[in-house]
Amino acid sequence: MMFNNKPVFGMIHLHPHPATREAVTTAVDEIHILNEGGFDGCIIENYHGNLDDVILTLRDIEKETFGDFKIGINILPNNFEVAFNLVTNYKIDFVQLDYVAGSYSTWSTNSKRTIPGELYSKLKNTTVLGGVWPKYYTPDIGSILEEDLKVAKTRAEAVVVTGAGTGIETSYDKIYNFKRLLGDHPLIVGAGLNVENVKEQLTLADGGIVGSGIKPYNMTSKKIDKQLVKDFISERNKLFKNE
């Protein structure tokens, strides 16, 4: 996957349960909206739904042709083992992971979360967009961002930077700092992108992931809006007008 054209990927959150079939039908509709609207790909995520919804969506689109449009998945919470396994069975171009490097604790369980490097390397079989110091995870005391990013560069084709939470803008300073430390390694903005900030943020970063920013009222449970998709791509494309 190339990152020299500032690709943007739309997040398919899946819609709340119950009604799995409705959730899948909506997800497939959203994939078509993104493809027809000029997005470079999508990420199917079990955010409101579950793993079965992701699999049913993948099955529904198996026989469809999307051209250069890329299909990605994100299996929460950071389940790289399941994600890499799905890649072997379905038409999937890449995987997003909340984090690929670092050591974290969470406020709800205070449990330690790391990726076992040897197992990860053994299972990795696709392009990865992987986070470092992401939303909802607290780096352990003593963590060094530069060191965690060095590890991430060996595990992910692009690093994802996020702000404090879903739909919350990622600060320009954080994007700048990540890009400064990563150098030429691709950086993807993974939270808080919208029509108003996409041009500024992707001037620095190499691509983006947008979910609530292309939905009515910035709500993840709403369906992706065609006009917001059109407006978002129009703003992204302004980056290329002077090239």
Protein backbone atom coordinates (compact mmCIF):
# COMPACT_ATOMS: atom_id res chain seq x y z
CA MET A 1 0.00 0.00 0.00
CA MET A 2 1.38 3.39 -1.01
CA PHE A 3 0.99 6.50 1.08
CA ASN A 4 2.20 9.18 -1.30
CA ASN A 5 -1.29 10.37 -2.25
CA LYS A 6 -2.59 11.10 1.27
CA PRO A 7 -5.05 8.16 1.31
CA VAL A 8 -8.12 8.36 3.50
CA PHE A 9 -9.99 5.37 4.89
CA GLY A 10 -13.57 5.48 6.14
CA MET A 11 -14.41 3.66 9.36
CA ILE A 12 -17.34 1.25 9.23
CA HIS A 13 -18.39 1.15 12.88
CA LEU A 14 -21.26 -1.29 12.28
CA HIS A 15 -24.57 -0.34 13.77
CA PRO A 16 -25.77 -1.22 17.27
CA HIS A 17 -27.33 -4.56 18.08
CA PRO A 18 -29.81 -6.17 17.87
CA ALA A 19 -30.45 -6.71 14.15
CA THR A 20 -27.22 -8.21 12.82
CA ARG A 21 -28.54 -8.44 9.25
CA GLU A 22 -29.49 -4.76 9.33
CA ALA A 23 -26.03 -3.89 10.62
CA VAL A 24 -24.38 -5.81 7.80
CA THR A 25 -26.65 -4.34 5.12
CA THR A 26 -25.85 -0.84 6.36
CA ALA A 27 -22.13 -1.63 6.42
CA VAL A 28 -22.19 -2.79 2.81
CA ASP A 29 -24.10 0.35 1.80
CA GLU A 30 -21.50 2.48 3.57
CA ILE A 31 -18.65 0.74 1.76
CA HIS A 32 -20.26 1.63 -1.56
CA ILE A 33 -20.80 5.24 -0.45
CA LEU A 34 -17.12 5.55 0.43
CA ASN A 35 -15.93 3.91 -2.77
CA GLU A 36 -18.18 5.98 -5.01
CA GLY A 37 -17.33 9.13 -3.05
CA GLY A 38 -13.60 8.91 -3.69
CA PHE A 39 -12.23 7.35 -0.51
CA ASP A 40 -9.19 5.11 -0.87
CA GLY A 41 -10.56 2.36 1.36
CA CYS A 42 -12.52 1.43 4.44
CA ILE A 43 -11.96 -0.28 7.77
CA ILE A 44 -14.65 -2.66 9.02
CA GLU A 45 -14.61 -2.57 12.81
CA ASN A 46 -16.58 -4.35 15.54
CA TYR A 47 -17.15 -1.05 17.37
CA HIS A 48 -20.91 -1.26 17.87
CA GLY A 49 -21.24 -4.77 16.48
CA ASN A 50 -19.26 -7.93 17.08
CA LEU A 51 -16.89 -10.28 15.26
CA ASP A 52 -19.76 -12.09 13.55
CA ASP A 53 -20.89 -8.81 12.00
CA VAL A 54 -17.42 -8.21 10.60
CA ILE A 55 -17.29 -11.71 9.10
CA LEU A 56 -20.80 -11.45 7.63
CA THR A 57 -19.89 -8.11 6.05
CA LEU A 58 -16.73 -9.60 4.54
CA ARG A 59 -18.77 -12.48 3.15
CA ASP A 60 -21.30 -10.10 1.64
CA ILE A 61 -18.65 -8.21 -0.31
CA GLU A 62 -16.56 -11.24 -1.34
CA LYS A 63 -17.84 -11.34 -4.89
CA GLU A 64 -17.86 -7.58 -5.43
CA THR A 65 -15.20 -5.63 -7.29
CA PHE A 66 -13.98 -2.34 -5.86
CA GLY A 67 -11.09 -1.46 -8.13
CA ASP A 68 -8.28 0.23 -6.19
CA PHE A 69 -10.50 0.67 -3.13
CA LYS A 70 -8.89 -1.16 -0.18
CA ILE A 71 -10.72 -3.25 2.43
CA GLY A 72 -9.34 -3.20 5.96
CA ILE A 73 -10.44 -4.55 9.34
CA ASN A 74 -9.93 -3.66 12.99
CA ILE A 75 -10.88 -6.32 15.55
CA LEU A 76 -11.24 -4.75 18.98
CA PRO A 77 -9.71 -4.82 21.48
CA ASN A 78 -6.45 -4.95 19.47
CA ASN A 79 -6.96 -8.60 18.57
CA PHE A 80 -4.14 -9.04 16.05
CA GLU A 81 -4.36 -12.83 16.21
CA VAL A 82 -7.96 -12.91 14.98
CA ALA A 83 -7.32 -10.14 12.45
CA PHE A 84 -4.34 -11.88 10.84
CA ASN A 85 -6.31 -15.14 10.75
CA LEU A 86 -9.21 -13.45 8.93
CA VAL A 87 -6.78 -12.15 6.30
CA THR A 88 -6.07 -15.74 5.27
CA ASN A 89 -9.77 -16.44 4.67
CA TYR A 90 -11.26 -13.25 3.25
CA LYS A 91 -10.57 -10.44 0.78
CA ILE A 92 -8.72 -8.09 3.14
CA ASP A 93 -5.99 -5.67 2.07
CA PHE A 94 -4.81 -4.41 5.45
CA VAL A 95 -5.35 -4.47 9.19
CA GLN A 96 -5.58 -1.61 11.68
CA LEU A 97 -4.44 -2.21 15.26
CA ASP A 98 -4.92 0.17 18.17
CA TYR A 99 -1.28 -0.32 19.11
CA VAL A 100 1.69 -2.30 17.81
CA ALA A 101 4.32 -1.16 20.30
CA GLY A 102 4.51 0.12 23.87
CA SER A 103 3.30 -1.10 27.24
CA TYR A 104 -0.02 0.11 28.59
CA SER A 105 -2.49 -0.04 31.44
CA THR A 106 -6.18 0.74 31.19
CA TRP A 107 -8.20 2.70 33.71
CA SER A 108 -10.96 0.09 33.88
CA THR A 109 -8.87 -2.98 34.67
CA ASN A 110 -5.40 -1.60 35.41
CA SER A 111 -4.14 -4.56 33.41
CA LYS A 112 -0.92 -4.58 31.42
CA ARG A 113 -1.24 -4.73 27.66
CA THR A 114 1.65 -5.45 25.32
CA ILE A 115 2.12 -7.31 22.05
CA PRO A 116 4.33 -10.39 22.23
CA GLY A 117 6.79 -9.54 19.48
CA GLU A 118 7.75 -13.08 18.50
CA LEU A 119 4.13 -14.20 18.08
CA TYR A 120 3.24 -11.00 16.24
CA SER A 121 6.09 -11.46 13.77
CA LYS A 122 5.10 -15.08 13.20
CA LEU A 123 1.46 -14.25 12.47
CA LYS A 124 1.82 -10.98 10.55
CA ASN A 125 0.73 -11.55 6.97
CA THR A 126 -0.54 -8.22 5.66
CA THR A 127 -0.09 -4.46 5.68
CA VAL A 128 -0.64 -3.00 9.14
CA LEU A 129 -1.69 0.47 10.26
CA GLY A 130 -0.62 0.37 13.90
CA GLY A 131 -0.97 2.82 16.77
CA VAL A 132 1.46 4.00 19.41
CA TRP A 133 0.28 5.70 22.62
CA PRO A 134 -3.31 5.58 21.30
CA LYS A 135 -6.62 6.82 22.65
CA TYR A 136 -7.96 4.94 25.68
CA TYR A 137 -4.57 3.45 26.59
CA THR A 138 -2.18 4.93 29.15
CA PRO A 139 1.55 4.31 28.51
CA ASP A 140 3.33 2.82 31.51
CA ILE A 141 5.38 5.20 33.62
CA GLY A 142 8.83 5.54 32.11
CA SER A 143 7.68 4.87 28.54
CA ILE A 144 9.70 6.68 25.88
CA LEU A 145 7.80 7.65 22.75
CA GLU A 146 10.85 7.59 20.49
CA GLU A 147 11.70 4.04 21.52
CA ASP A 148 8.13 2.80 21.07
CA LEU A 149 7.98 4.39 17.62
CA LYS A 150 11.21 2.65 16.63
CA VAL A 151 9.60 -0.69 17.45
CA ALA A 152 6.39 0.29 15.67
CA LYS A 153 8.31 1.00 12.45
CA THR A 154 9.38 -2.65 12.38
CA ARG A 155 5.82 -3.92 12.90
CA ALA A 156 3.60 -1.57 10.89
CA GLU A 157 3.79 -0.15 7.38
CA ALA A 158 2.20 3.02 8.76
CA VAL A 159 1.91 4.35 12.31
CA VAL A 160 -1.45 5.71 13.51
CA VAL A 161 -1.65 8.74 15.81
CA THR A 162 -4.83 9.57 17.75
CA GLY A 163 -6.09 12.13 20.23
CA ALA A 164 -7.96 11.56 23.47
CA GLY A 165 -10.92 9.66 22.06
CA THR A 166 -13.21 8.79 19.17
CA GLY A 167 -14.27 11.92 17.30
CA ILE A 168 -11.92 14.14 19.31
CA GLU A 169 -9.44 16.05 17.19
CA THR A 170 -5.84 14.84 17.32
CA SER A 171 -3.72 17.84 18.19
CA TYR A 172 -1.46 19.27 15.52
CA ASP A 173 1.40 19.26 18.03
CA LYS A 174 1.04 15.51 18.58
CA ILE A 175 0.94 14.84 14.84
CA TYR A 176 4.01 17.03 14.36
CA ASN A 177 5.94 15.27 17.13
CA PHE A 178 5.12 11.80 15.80
CA LYS A 179 6.11 12.80 12.27
CA ARG A 180 9.33 14.37 13.50
CA LEU A 181 10.32 11.13 15.21
CA LEU A 182 9.14 8.86 12.39
CA GLY A 183 10.89 10.70 9.58
CA ASP A 184 9.97 9.14 6.23
CA HIS A 185 7.91 6.34 7.78
CA PRO A 186 4.20 6.93 6.94
CA LEU A 187 1.98 8.50 9.62
CA ILE A 188 -1.82 8.19 9.61
CA VAL A 189 -4.14 10.44 11.63
CA GLY A 190 -6.60 8.04 13.22
CA ALA A 191 -9.09 10.13 15.20
CA GLY A 192 -10.95 13.41 14.99
CA LEU A 193 -10.55 14.08 11.27
CA ASN A 194 -13.36 16.07 9.68
CA VAL A 195 -14.12 18.41 6.80
CA GLU A 196 -12.76 21.41 8.69
CA ASN A 197 -9.34 20.03 9.67
CA VAL A 198 -8.45 17.40 7.06
CA LYS A 199 -6.48 19.75 4.80
CA GLU A 200 -4.37 21.13 7.66
CA GLN A 201 -3.70 17.79 9.32
CA LEU A 202 -2.89 15.89 6.14
CA THR A 203 -0.50 18.62 5.07
CA LEU A 204 1.75 17.09 7.71
CA ALA A 205 0.56 13.47 7.97
CA ASP A 206 0.57 10.89 5.16
CA GLY A 207 -3.06 9.80 5.35
CA GLY A 208 -6.08 9.54 7.58
CA ILE A 209 -8.88 7.44 9.03
CA VAL A 210 -12.26 9.11 9.51
CA GLY A 211 -15.44 7.78 11.09
CA SER A 212 -17.71 10.10 13.02
CA GLY A 213 -16.46 13.06 10.98
CA ILE A 214 -18.47 11.86 7.97
CA LYS A 215 -21.61 11.06 9.96
CA PRO A 216 -24.53 13.31 10.98
CA TYR A 217 -24.00 15.09 14.30
CA ASN A 218 -20.57 13.44 14.59
CA MET A 219 -22.30 10.33 15.99
CA THR A 220 -20.72 6.89 15.45
CA SER A 221 -24.14 5.19 15.50
CA LYS A 222 -25.37 7.18 12.48
CA LYS A 223 -24.96 6.08 8.88
CA ILE A 224 -22.16 7.60 6.79
CA ASP A 225 -23.50 10.63 4.92
CA LYS A 226 -22.91 10.97 1.14
CA GLN A 227 -22.63 14.76 1.22
CA LEU A 228 -20.14 14.73 4.08
CA VAL A 229 -18.09 12.16 2.17
CA LYS A 230 -18.12 14.41 -0.91
CA ASP A 231 -17.15 17.47 1.12
CA PHE A 232 -14.37 15.60 2.94
CA ILE A 233 -12.79 14.35 -0.29
CA SER A 234 -13.09 17.81 -1.84
CA GLU A 235 -11.08 19.27 1.05
CA ARG A 236 -8.52 16.44 0.95
CA ASN A 237 -8.04 16.94 -2.78
CA LYS A 238 -7.15 20.58 -2.30
CA LEU A 239 -3.78 19.30 -1.06
CA PHE A 240 -2.91 18.30 -4.63
CA LYS A 241 -4.10 21.35 -6.56
CA ASN A 242 -0.78 23.16 -6.41
CA GLU A 243 1.39 20.13 -7.15
